[in-house]
Amino acid sequence: GRFTISRDNAKNTVYLQMNSLKPEDT
């Protein structure tokens, strides 16, 4: 519910969008 994984094959890149970050995500 806070993080989203995605990819862009044309750019050979995978992403991790991290929202509502908490100290325990360190």
mmCIF file of all heavy atoms, coordinates in Angstrom:
data_MODEL
# 
_entry.id   MODEL 
# 
loop_
_atom_site.group_PDB 
_atom_site.id 
_atom_site.type_symbol 
_atom_site.label_atom_id 
_atom_site.label_alt_id 
_atom_site.label_comp_id 
_atom_site.label_asym_id 
_atom_site.label_entity_id 
_atom_site.label_seq_id 
_atom_site.pdbx_PDB_ins_code 
_atom_site.Cartn_x 
_atom_site.Cartn_y 
_atom_site.Cartn_z 
_atom_site.occupancy 
_atom_site.B_iso_or_equiv 
_atom_site.pdbx_formal_charge 
_atom_site.auth_seq_id 
_atom_site.auth_comp_id 
_atom_site.auth_asym_id 
_atom_site.auth_atom_id 
_atom_site.pdbx_PDB_model_num 
ATOM 1   N N   . GLY A 1 1  ? 0.786  -1.213 0.000   1.00 0.00 ? 1  GLY A N   1 
ATOM 2   C CA  . GLY A 1 1  ? 0.000  0.000  0.000   1.00 0.00 ? 1  GLY A CA  1 
ATOM 3   C C   . GLY A 1 1  ? 0.821  1.266  0.000   1.00 0.00 ? 1  GLY A C   1 
ATOM 4   O O   . GLY A 1 1  ? 0.275  2.352  -0.246  1.00 0.00 ? 1  GLY A O   1 
ATOM 5   N N   . ARG A 1 2  ? 2.129  1.169  0.271   1.00 0.00 ? 2  ARG A N   1 
ATOM 6   C CA  . ARG A 1 2  ? 3.015  2.330  0.289   1.00 0.00 ? 2  ARG A CA  1 
ATOM 7   C C   . ARG A 1 2  ? 4.047  2.310  -0.831  1.00 0.00 ? 2  ARG A C   1 
ATOM 8   O O   . ARG A 1 2  ? 4.421  3.362  -1.340  1.00 0.00 ? 2  ARG A O   1 
ATOM 9   C CB  . ARG A 1 2  ? 3.739  2.430  1.631   1.00 0.00 ? 2  ARG A CB  1 
ATOM 10  C CG  . ARG A 1 2  ? 2.812  2.580  2.827   1.00 0.00 ? 2  ARG A CG  1 
ATOM 11  C CD  . ARG A 1 2  ? 3.596  2.865  4.104   1.00 0.00 ? 2  ARG A CD  1 
ATOM 12  N NE  . ARG A 1 2  ? 4.474  1.755  4.462   1.00 0.00 ? 2  ARG A NE  1 
ATOM 13  C CZ  . ARG A 1 2  ? 5.801  1.848  4.594   1.00 0.00 ? 2  ARG A CZ  1 
ATOM 14  N NH1 . ARG A 1 2  ? 6.407  3.020  4.389   1.00 0.00 ? 2  ARG A NH1 1 
ATOM 15  N NH2 . ARG A 1 2  ? 6.518  0.790  4.939   1.00 0.00 ? 2  ARG A NH2 1 
ATOM 16  N N   . PHE A 1 3  ? 4.522  1.111  -1.206  1.00 0.00 ? 3  PHE A N   1 
ATOM 17  C CA  . PHE A 1 3  ? 5.559  0.964  -2.231  1.00 0.00 ? 3  PHE A CA  1 
ATOM 18  C C   . PHE A 1 3  ? 4.958  0.385  -3.502  1.00 0.00 ? 3  PHE A C   1 
ATOM 19  O O   . PHE A 1 3  ? 4.005  -0.404 -3.454  1.00 0.00 ? 3  PHE A O   1 
ATOM 20  C CB  . PHE A 1 3  ? 6.674  0.025  -1.753  1.00 0.00 ? 3  PHE A CB  1 
ATOM 21  C CG  . PHE A 1 3  ? 7.535  0.546  -0.637  1.00 0.00 ? 3  PHE A CG  1 
ATOM 22  C CD1 . PHE A 1 3  ? 7.235  1.713  0.047   1.00 0.00 ? 3  PHE A CD1 1 
ATOM 23  C CD2 . PHE A 1 3  ? 8.672  -0.158 -0.269  1.00 0.00 ? 3  PHE A CD2 1 
ATOM 24  C CE1 . PHE A 1 3  ? 8.037  2.177  1.076   1.00 0.00 ? 3  PHE A CE1 1 
ATOM 25  C CE2 . PHE A 1 3  ? 9.487  0.296  0.759   1.00 0.00 ? 3  PHE A CE2 1 
ATOM 26  C CZ  . PHE A 1 3  ? 9.171  1.461  1.433   1.00 0.00 ? 3  PHE A CZ  1 
ATOM 27  N N   . THR A 1 4  ? 5.547  0.746  -4.654  1.00 0.00 ? 4  THR A N   1 
ATOM 28  C CA  . THR A 1 4  ? 5.132  0.212  -5.940  1.00 0.00 ? 4  THR A CA  1 
ATOM 29  C C   . THR A 1 4  ? 6.360  -0.157 -6.764  1.00 0.00 ? 4  THR A C   1 
ATOM 30  O O   . THR A 1 4  ? 7.235  0.683  -6.971  1.00 0.00 ? 4  THR A O   1 
ATOM 31  C CB  . THR A 1 4  ? 4.281  1.222  -6.728  1.00 0.00 ? 4  THR A CB  1 
ATOM 32  O OG1 . THR A 1 4  ? 3.140  1.606  -5.953  1.00 0.00 ? 4  THR A OG1 1 
ATOM 33  C CG2 . THR A 1 4  ? 3.808  0.607  -8.040  1.00 0.00 ? 4  THR A CG2 1 
ATOM 34  N N   . ILE A 1 5  ? 6.419  -1.404 -7.239  1.00 0.00 ? 5  ILE A N   1 
ATOM 35  C CA  . ILE A 1 5  ? 7.495  -1.839 -8.123  1.00 0.00 ? 5  ILE A CA  1 
ATOM 36  C C   . ILE A 1 5  ? 6.995  -1.787 -9.565  1.00 0.00 ? 5  ILE A C   1 
ATOM 37  O O   . ILE A 1 5  ? 5.845  -2.130 -9.847  1.00 0.00 ? 5  ILE A O   1 
ATOM 38  C CB  . ILE A 1 5  ? 7.996  -3.252 -7.750  1.00 0.00 ? 5  ILE A CB  1 
ATOM 39  C CG1 . ILE A 1 5  ? 9.257  -3.616 -8.546  1.00 0.00 ? 5  ILE A CG1 1 
ATOM 40  C CG2 . ILE A 1 5  ? 6.910  -4.301 -7.935  1.00 0.00 ? 5  ILE A CG2 1 
ATOM 41  C CD1 . ILE A 1 5  ? 9.936  -4.892 -8.060  1.00 0.00 ? 5  ILE A CD1 1 
ATOM 42  N N   . SER A 1 6  ? 7.861  -1.339 -10.474 1.00 0.00 ? 6  SER A N   1 
ATOM 43  C CA  . SER A 1 6  ? 7.512  -1.263 -11.885 1.00 0.00 ? 6  SER A CA  1 
ATOM 44  C C   . SER A 1 6  ? 8.781  -1.391 -12.712 1.00 0.00 ? 6  SER A C   1 
ATOM 45  O O   . SER A 1 6  ? 9.881  -1.383 -12.170 1.00 0.00 ? 6  SER A O   1 
ATOM 46  C CB  . SER A 1 6  ? 6.785  0.043  -12.208 1.00 0.00 ? 6  SER A CB  1 
ATOM 47  O OG  . SER A 1 6  ? 7.611  1.165  -11.949 1.00 0.00 ? 6  SER A OG  1 
ATOM 48  N N   . ARG A 1 7  ? 8.626  -1.502 -14.030 1.00 0.00 ? 7  ARG A N   1 
ATOM 49  C CA  . ARG A 1 7  ? 9.792  -1.594 -14.902 1.00 0.00 ? 7  ARG A CA  1 
ATOM 50  C C   . ARG A 1 7  ? 9.520  -0.923 -16.232 1.00 0.00 ? 7  ARG A C   1 
ATOM 51  O O   . ARG A 1 7  ? 8.370  -0.756 -16.652 1.00 0.00 ? 7  ARG A O   1 
ATOM 52  C CB  . ARG A 1 7  ? 10.198 -3.055 -15.116 1.00 0.00 ? 7  ARG A CB  1 
ATOM 53  C CG  . ARG A 1 7  ? 9.185  -3.859 -15.915 1.00 0.00 ? 7  ARG A CG  1 
ATOM 54  C CD  . ARG A 1 7  ? 9.570  -5.323 -15.961 1.00 0.00 ? 7  ARG A CD  1 
ATOM 55  N NE  . ARG A 1 7  ? 8.593  -6.099 -16.712 1.00 0.00 ? 7  ARG A NE  1 
ATOM 56  C CZ  . ARG A 1 7  ? 8.350  -7.376 -16.523 1.00 0.00 ? 7  ARG A CZ  1 
ATOM 57  N NH1 . ARG A 1 7  ? 9.003  -8.046 -15.590 1.00 0.00 ? 7  ARG A NH1 1 
ATOM 58  N NH2 . ARG A 1 7  ? 7.433  -7.987 -17.263 1.00 0.00 ? 7  ARG A NH2 1 
ATOM 59  N N   . ASP A 1 8  ? 10.606 -0.535 -16.899 1.00 0.00 ? 8  ASP A N   1 
ATOM 60  C CA  . ASP A 1 8  ? 10.561 0.031  -18.240 1.00 0.00 ? 8  ASP A CA  1 
ATOM 61  C C   . ASP A 1 8  ? 11.560 -0.768 -19.064 1.00 0.00 ? 8  ASP A C   1 
ATOM 62  O O   . ASP A 1 8  ? 12.764 -0.537 -18.982 1.00 0.00 ? 8  ASP A O   1 
ATOM 63  C CB  . ASP A 1 8  ? 10.909 1.517  -18.216 1.00 0.00 ? 8  ASP A CB  1 
ATOM 64  C CG  . ASP A 1 8  ? 10.745 2.177  -19.566 1.00 0.00 ? 8  ASP A CG  1 
ATOM 65  O OD1 . ASP A 1 8  ? 10.853 1.501  -20.602 1.00 0.00 ? 8  ASP A OD1 1 
ATOM 66  O OD2 . ASP A 1 8  ? 10.503 3.405  -19.590 1.00 0.00 ? 8  ASP A OD2 1 
ATOM 67  N N   . ASN A 1 9  ? 11.063 -1.724 -19.843 1.00 0.00 ? 9  ASN A N   1 
ATOM 68  C CA  . ASN A 1 9  ? 11.950 -2.622 -20.588 1.00 0.00 ? 9  ASN A CA  1 
ATOM 69  C C   . ASN A 1 9  ? 12.824 -1.876 -21.598 1.00 0.00 ? 9  ASN A C   1 
ATOM 70  O O   . ASN A 1 9  ? 13.977 -2.256 -21.813 1.00 0.00 ? 9  ASN A O   1 
ATOM 71  C CB  . ASN A 1 9  ? 11.133 -3.696 -21.300 1.00 0.00 ? 9  ASN A CB  1 
ATOM 72  C CG  . ASN A 1 9  ? 10.518 -4.698 -20.348 1.00 0.00 ? 9  ASN A CG  1 
ATOM 73  O OD1 . ASN A 1 9  ? 10.646 -4.586 -19.130 1.00 0.00 ? 9  ASN A OD1 1 
ATOM 74  N ND2 . ASN A 1 9  ? 9.834  -5.693 -20.907 1.00 0.00 ? 9  ASN A ND2 1 
ATOM 75  N N   . ALA A 1 10 ? 12.276 -0.827 -22.215 1.00 0.00 ? 10 ALA A N   1 
ATOM 76  C CA  . ALA A 1 10 ? 13.034 -0.069 -23.204 1.00 0.00 ? 10 ALA A CA  1 
ATOM 77  C C   . ALA A 1 10 ? 14.245 0.615  -22.581 1.00 0.00 ? 10 ALA A C   1 
ATOM 78  O O   . ALA A 1 10 ? 15.246 0.852  -23.268 1.00 0.00 ? 10 ALA A O   1 
ATOM 79  C CB  . ALA A 1 10 ? 12.143 0.962  -23.884 1.00 0.00 ? 10 ALA A CB  1 
ATOM 80  N N   . LYS A 1 11 ? 14.160 0.959  -21.297 1.00 0.00 ? 11 LYS A N   1 
ATOM 81  C CA  . LYS A 1 11 ? 15.258 1.613  -20.594 1.00 0.00 ? 11 LYS A CA  1 
ATOM 82  C C   . LYS A 1 11 ? 16.073 0.652  -19.739 1.00 0.00 ? 11 LYS A C   1 
ATOM 83  O O   . LYS A 1 11 ? 16.994 1.083  -19.045 1.00 0.00 ? 11 LYS A O   1 
ATOM 84  C CB  . LYS A 1 11 ? 14.722 2.734  -19.716 1.00 0.00 ? 11 LYS A CB  1 
ATOM 85  C CG  . LYS A 1 11 ? 14.054 3.861  -20.492 1.00 0.00 ? 11 LYS A CG  1 
ATOM 86  C CD  . LYS A 1 11 ? 13.566 4.963  -19.556 1.00 0.00 ? 11 LYS A CD  1 
ATOM 87  C CE  . LYS A 1 11 ? 12.933 6.093  -20.330 1.00 0.00 ? 11 LYS A CE  1 
ATOM 88  N NZ  . LYS A 1 11 ? 12.435 7.171  -19.433 1.00 0.00 ? 11 LYS A NZ  1 
ATOM 89  N N   . ASN A 1 12 ? 15.739 -0.637 -19.760 1.00 0.00 ? 12 ASN A N   1 
ATOM 90  C CA  . ASN A 1 12 ? 16.424 -1.649 -18.952 1.00 0.00 ? 12 ASN A CA  1 
ATOM 91  C C   . ASN A 1 12 ? 16.448 -1.258 -17.475 1.00 0.00 ? 12 ASN A C   1 
ATOM 92  O O   . ASN A 1 12 ? 17.445 -1.460 -16.780 1.00 0.00 ? 12 ASN A O   1 
ATOM 93  C CB  . ASN A 1 12 ? 17.861 -1.877 -19.443 1.00 0.00 ? 12 ASN A CB  1 
ATOM 94  C CG  . ASN A 1 12 ? 17.924 -2.389 -20.860 1.00 0.00 ? 12 ASN A CG  1 
ATOM 95  O OD1 . ASN A 1 12 ? 17.024 -3.086 -21.320 1.00 0.00 ? 12 ASN A OD1 1 
ATOM 96  N ND2 . ASN A 1 12 ? 18.993 -2.066 -21.565 1.00 0.00 ? 12 ASN A ND2 1 
ATOM 97  N N   . THR A 1 13 ? 15.334 -0.712 -16.984 1.00 0.00 ? 13 THR A N   1 
ATOM 98  C CA  . THR A 1 13 ? 15.287 -0.150 -15.639 1.00 0.00 ? 13 THR A CA  1 
ATOM 99  C C   . THR A 1 13 ? 14.078 -0.670 -14.867 1.00 0.00 ? 13 THR A C   1 
ATOM 100 O O   . THR A 1 13 ? 12.961 -0.720 -15.400 1.00 0.00 ? 13 THR A O   1 
ATOM 101 C CB  . THR A 1 13 ? 15.241 1.378  -15.690 1.00 0.00 ? 13 THR A CB  1 
ATOM 102 O OG1 . THR A 1 13 ? 16.383 1.865  -16.405 1.00 0.00 ? 13 THR A OG1 1 
ATOM 103 C CG2 . THR A 1 13 ? 15.259 1.968  -14.290 1.00 0.00 ? 13 THR A CG2 1 
ATOM 104 N N   . VAL A 1 14 ? 14.310 -1.037 -13.610 1.00 0.00 ? 14 VAL A N   1 
ATOM 105 C CA  . VAL A 1 14 ? 13.244 -1.372 -12.678 1.00 0.00 ? 14 VAL A CA  1 
ATOM 106 C C   . VAL A 1 14 ? 13.226 -0.315 -11.581 1.00 0.00 ? 14 VAL A C   1 
ATOM 107 O O   . VAL A 1 14 ? 14.284 0.183  -11.173 1.00 0.00 ? 14 VAL A O   1 
ATOM 108 C CB  . VAL A 1 14 ? 13.416 -2.794 -12.104 1.00 0.00 ? 14 VAL A CB  1 
ATOM 109 C CG1 . VAL A 1 14 ? 14.718 -2.921 -11.327 1.00 0.00 ? 14 VAL A CG1 1 
ATOM 110 C CG2 . VAL A 1 14 ? 12.225 -3.179 -11.232 1.00 0.00 ? 14 VAL A CG2 1 
ATOM 111 N N   . TYR A 1 15 ? 12.031 0.060  -11.117 1.00 0.00 ? 15 TYR A N   1 
ATOM 112 C CA  . TYR A 1 15 ? 11.862 1.132  -10.149 1.00 0.00 ? 15 TYR A CA  1 
ATOM 113 C C   . TYR A 1 15 ? 11.194 0.623  -8.878  1.00 0.00 ? 15 TYR A C   1 
ATOM 114 O O   . TYR A 1 15 ? 10.458 -0.367 -8.888  1.00 0.00 ? 15 TYR A O   1 
ATOM 115 C CB  . TYR A 1 15 ? 10.985 2.248  -10.721 1.00 0.00 ? 15 TYR A CB  1 
ATOM 116 C CG  . TYR A 1 15 ? 11.489 2.843  -12.006 1.00 0.00 ? 15 TYR A CG  1 
ATOM 117 C CD1 . TYR A 1 15 ? 10.994 2.410  -13.231 1.00 0.00 ? 15 TYR A CD1 1 
ATOM 118 C CD2 . TYR A 1 15 ? 12.450 3.844  -12.000 1.00 0.00 ? 15 TYR A CD2 1 
ATOM 119 C CE1 . TYR A 1 15 ? 11.443 2.960  -14.418 1.00 0.00 ? 15 TYR A CE1 1 
ATOM 120 C CE2 . TYR A 1 15 ? 12.906 4.406  -13.181 1.00 0.00 ? 15 TYR A CE2 1 
ATOM 121 C CZ  . TYR A 1 15 ? 12.397 3.960  -14.386 1.00 0.00 ? 15 TYR A CZ  1 
ATOM 122 O OH  . TYR A 1 15 ? 12.853 4.518  -15.562 1.00 0.00 ? 15 TYR A OH  1 
ATOM 123 N N   . LEU A 1 16 ? 11.448 1.328  -7.785  1.00 0.00 ? 16 LEU A N   1 
ATOM 124 C CA  . LEU A 1 16 ? 10.697 1.140  -6.552  1.00 0.00 ? 16 LEU A CA  1 
ATOM 125 C C   . LEU A 1 16 ? 10.259 2.516  -6.061  1.00 0.00 ? 16 LEU A C   1 
ATOM 126 O O   . LEU A 1 16 ? 11.084 3.296  -5.571  1.00 0.00 ? 16 LEU A O   1 
ATOM 127 C CB  . LEU A 1 16 ? 11.527 0.429  -5.479  1.00 0.00 ? 16 LEU A CB  1 
ATOM 128 C CG  . LEU A 1 16 ? 10.763 0.069  -4.203  1.00 0.00 ? 16 LEU A CG  1 
ATOM 129 C CD1 . LEU A 1 16 ? 9.708  -0.998 -4.484  1.00 0.00 ? 16 LEU A CD1 1 
ATOM 130 C CD2 . LEU A 1 16 ? 11.719 -0.411 -3.106  1.00 0.00 ? 16 LEU A CD2 1 
ATOM 131 N N   . GLN A 1 17 ? 8.971  2.826  -6.228  1.00 0.00 ? 17 GLN A N   1 
ATOM 132 C CA  . GLN A 1 17 ? 8.404  4.071  -5.723  1.00 0.00 ? 17 GLN A CA  1 
ATOM 133 C C   . GLN A 1 17 ? 8.032  3.868  -4.265  1.00 0.00 ? 17 GLN A C   1 
ATOM 134 O O   . GLN A 1 17 ? 7.254  2.972  -3.939  1.00 0.00 ? 17 GLN A O   1 
ATOM 135 C CB  . GLN A 1 17 ? 7.173  4.475  -6.531  1.00 0.00 ? 17 GLN A CB  1 
ATOM 136 C CG  . GLN A 1 17 ? 6.497  5.744  -6.045  1.00 0.00 ? 17 GLN A CG  1 
ATOM 137 C CD  . GLN A 1 17 ? 7.350  6.974  -6.235  1.00 0.00 ? 17 GLN A CD  1 
ATOM 138 O OE1 . GLN A 1 17 ? 7.929  7.175  -7.289  1.00 0.00 ? 17 GLN A OE1 1 
ATOM 139 N NE2 . GLN A 1 17 ? 7.441  7.799  -5.196  1.00 0.00 ? 17 GLN A NE2 1 
ATOM 140 N N   . MET A 1 18 ? 8.581  4.705  -3.378  1.00 0.00 ? 18 MET A N   1 
ATOM 141 C CA  . MET A 1 18 ? 8.424  4.562  -1.945  1.00 0.00 ? 18 MET A CA  1 
ATOM 142 C C   . MET A 1 18 ? 7.717  5.799  -1.397  1.00 0.00 ? 18 MET A C   1 
ATOM 143 O O   . MET A 1 18 ? 8.280  6.893  -1.411  1.00 0.00 ? 18 MET A O   1 
ATOM 144 C CB  . MET A 1 18 ? 9.788  4.385  -1.271  1.00 0.00 ? 18 MET A CB  1 
ATOM 145 C CG  . MET A 1 18 ? 10.645 3.295  -1.910  1.00 0.00 ? 18 MET A CG  1 
ATOM 146 S SD  . MET A 1 18 ? 12.392 3.393  -1.420  1.00 0.00 ? 18 MET A SD  1 
ATOM 147 C CE  . MET A 1 18 ? 12.268 2.924  0.304   1.00 0.00 ? 18 MET A CE  1 
ATOM 148 N N   . ASN A 1 19 ? 6.488  5.635  -0.916  1.00 0.00 ? 19 ASN A N   1 
ATOM 149 C CA  . ASN A 1 19 ? 5.695  6.724  -0.360  1.00 0.00 ? 19 ASN A CA  1 
ATOM 150 C C   . ASN A 1 19 ? 5.427  6.493  1.122   1.00 0.00 ? 19 ASN A C   1 
ATOM 151 O O   . ASN A 1 19 ? 5.560  5.384  1.624   1.00 0.00 ? 19 ASN A O   1 
ATOM 152 C CB  . ASN A 1 19 ? 4.364  6.850  -1.103  1.00 0.00 ? 19 ASN A CB  1 
ATOM 153 C CG  . ASN A 1 19 ? 4.531  7.179  -2.564  1.00 0.00 ? 19 ASN A CG  1 
ATOM 154 O OD1 . ASN A 1 19 ? 5.459  7.883  -2.962  1.00 0.00 ? 19 ASN A OD1 1 
ATOM 155 N ND2 . ASN A 1 19 ? 3.612  6.677  -3.387  1.00 0.00 ? 19 ASN A ND2 1 
ATOM 156 N N   . SER A 1 20 ? 5.039  7.560  1.813   1.00 0.00 ? 20 SER A N   1 
ATOM 157 C CA  . SER A 1 20 ? 4.707  7.491  3.243   1.00 0.00 ? 20 SER A CA  1 
ATOM 158 C C   . SER A 1 20 ? 5.799  6.784  4.032   1.00 0.00 ? 20 SER A C   1 
ATOM 159 O O   . SER A 1 20 ? 5.536  5.894  4.846   1.00 0.00 ? 20 SER A O   1 
ATOM 160 C CB  . SER A 1 20 ? 3.359  6.790  3.437   1.00 0.00 ? 20 SER A CB  1 
ATOM 161 O OG  . SER A 1 20 ? 2.334  7.460  2.742   1.00 0.00 ? 20 SER A OG  1 
ATOM 162 N N   . LEU A 1 21 ? 7.035  7.199  3.815   1.00 0.00 ? 21 LEU A N   1 
ATOM 163 C CA  . LEU A 1 21 ? 8.185  6.516  4.408   1.00 0.00 ? 21 LEU A CA  1 
ATOM 164 C C   . LEU A 1 21 ? 8.196  6.648  5.927   1.00 0.00 ? 21 LEU A C   1 
ATOM 165 O O   . LEU A 1 21 ? 7.816  7.677  6.487   1.00 0.00 ? 21 LEU A O   1 
ATOM 166 C CB  . LEU A 1 21 ? 9.478  7.053  3.812   1.00 0.00 ? 21 LEU A CB  1 
ATOM 167 C CG  . LEU A 1 21 ? 9.778  6.522  2.408   1.00 0.00 ? 21 LEU A CG  1 
ATOM 168 C CD1 . LEU A 1 21 ? 10.807 7.403  1.715   1.00 0.00 ? 21 LEU A CD1 1 
ATOM 169 C CD2 . LEU A 1 21 ? 10.268 5.083  2.482   1.00 0.00 ? 21 LEU A CD2 1 
ATOM 170 N N   . LYS A 1 22 ? 8.663  5.579  6.577   1.00 0.00 ? 22 LYS A N   1 
ATOM 171 C CA  . LYS A 1 22 ? 8.745  5.482  8.030   1.00 0.00 ? 22 LYS A CA  1 
ATOM 172 C C   . LYS A 1 22 ? 10.198 5.256  8.444   1.00 0.00 ? 22 LYS A C   1 
ATOM 173 O O   . LYS A 1 22 ? 10.984 4.731  7.663   1.00 0.00 ? 22 LYS A O   1 
ATOM 174 C CB  . LYS A 1 22 ? 7.893  4.316  8.534   1.00 0.00 ? 22 LYS A CB  1 
ATOM 175 C CG  . LYS A 1 22 ? 6.441  4.358  8.112   1.00 0.00 ? 22 LYS A CG  1 
ATOM 176 C CD  . LYS A 1 22 ? 5.720  3.091  8.548   1.00 0.00 ? 22 LYS A CD  1 
ATOM 177 C CE  . LYS A 1 22 ? 4.272  3.110  8.129   1.00 0.00 ? 22 LYS A CE  1 
ATOM 178 N NZ  . LYS A 1 22 ? 3.570  1.860  8.538   1.00 0.00 ? 22 LYS A NZ  1 
ATOM 179 N N   . PRO A 1 23 ? 10.571 5.607  9.683   1.00 0.00 ? 23 PRO A N   1 
ATOM 180 C CA  . PRO A 1 23 ? 11.945 5.353  10.138  1.00 0.00 ? 23 PRO A CA  1 
ATOM 181 C C   . PRO A 1 23 ? 12.356 3.893  10.001  1.00 0.00 ? 23 PRO A C   1 
ATOM 182 O O   . PRO A 1 23 ? 13.534 3.620  9.712   1.00 0.00 ? 23 PRO A O   1 
ATOM 183 C CB  . PRO A 1 23 ? 11.911 5.790  11.606  1.00 0.00 ? 23 PRO A CB  1 
ATOM 184 C CG  . PRO A 1 23 ? 10.880 6.865  11.641  1.00 0.00 ? 23 PRO A CG  1 
ATOM 185 C CD  . PRO A 1 23 ? 9.816  6.412  10.673  1.00 0.00 ? 23 PRO A CD  1 
ATOM 186 N N   . GLU A 1 24 ? 11.442 2.957  10.170  1.00 0.00 ? 24 GLU A N   1 
ATOM 187 C CA  . GLU A 1 24 ? 11.774 1.542  10.046  1.00 0.00 ? 24 GLU A CA  1 
ATOM 188 C C   . GLU A 1 24 ? 12.056 1.102  8.611   1.00 0.00 ? 24 GLU A C   1 
ATOM 189 O O   . GLU A 1 24 ? 12.471 -0.039 8.387   1.00 0.00 ? 24 GLU A O   1 
ATOM 190 C CB  . GLU A 1 24 ? 10.676 0.660  10.659  1.00 0.00 ? 24 GLU A CB  1 
ATOM 191 C CG  . GLU A 1 24 ? 9.281  0.984  10.170  1.00 0.00 ? 24 GLU A CG  1 
ATOM 192 C CD  . GLU A 1 24 ? 8.515  1.884  11.120  1.00 0.00 ? 24 GLU A CD  1 
ATOM 193 O OE1 . GLU A 1 24 ? 9.101  2.873  11.610  1.00 0.00 ? 24 GLU A OE1 1 
ATOM 194 O OE2 . GLU A 1 24 ? 7.334  1.596  11.390  1.00 0.00 ? 24 GLU A OE2 1 
ATOM 195 N N   . ASP A 1 25 ? 11.842 1.976  7.632   1.00 0.00 ? 25 ASP A N   1 
ATOM 196 C CA  . ASP A 1 25 ? 12.235 1.704  6.255   1.00 0.00 ? 25 ASP A CA  1 
ATOM 197 C C   . ASP A 1 25 ? 13.719 1.966  6.012   1.00 0.00 ? 25 ASP A C   1 
ATOM 198 O O   . ASP A 1 25 ? 14.222 1.662  4.925   1.00 0.00 ? 25 ASP A O   1 
ATOM 199 C CB  . ASP A 1 25 ? 11.414 2.552  5.280   1.00 0.00 ? 25 ASP A CB  1 
ATOM 200 C CG  . ASP A 1 25 ? 9.930  2.208  5.294   1.00 0.00 ? 25 ASP A CG  1 
ATOM 201 O OD1 . ASP A 1 25 ? 9.591  1.007  5.363   1.00 0.00 ? 25 ASP A OD1 1 
ATOM 202 O OD2 . ASP A 1 25 ? 9.109  3.145  5.233   1.00 0.00 ? 25 ASP A OD2 1 
ATOM 203 N N   . THR A 1 26 ? 14.414 2.535  6.985   1.00 0.00 ? 26 THR A N   1 
ATOM 204 C CA  . THR A 1 26 ? 15.838 2.826  6.845   1.00 0.00 ? 26 THR A CA  1 
ATOM 205 C C   . THR A 1 26 ? 16.622 1.535  6.627   1.00 0.00 ? 26 THR A C   1 
ATOM 206 O O   . THR A 1 26 ? 16.537 0.609  7.431   1.00 0.00 ? 26 THR A O   1 
ATOM 207 C CB  . THR A 1 26 ? 16.366 3.565  8.079   1.00 0.00 ? 26 THR A CB  1 
ATOM 208 O OG1 . THR A 1 26 ? 15.724 4.838  8.184   1.00 0.00 ? 26 THR A OG1 1 
ATOM 209 C CG2 . THR A 1 26 ? 17.870 3.767  7.991   1.00 0.00 ? 26 THR A CG2 1 
# 
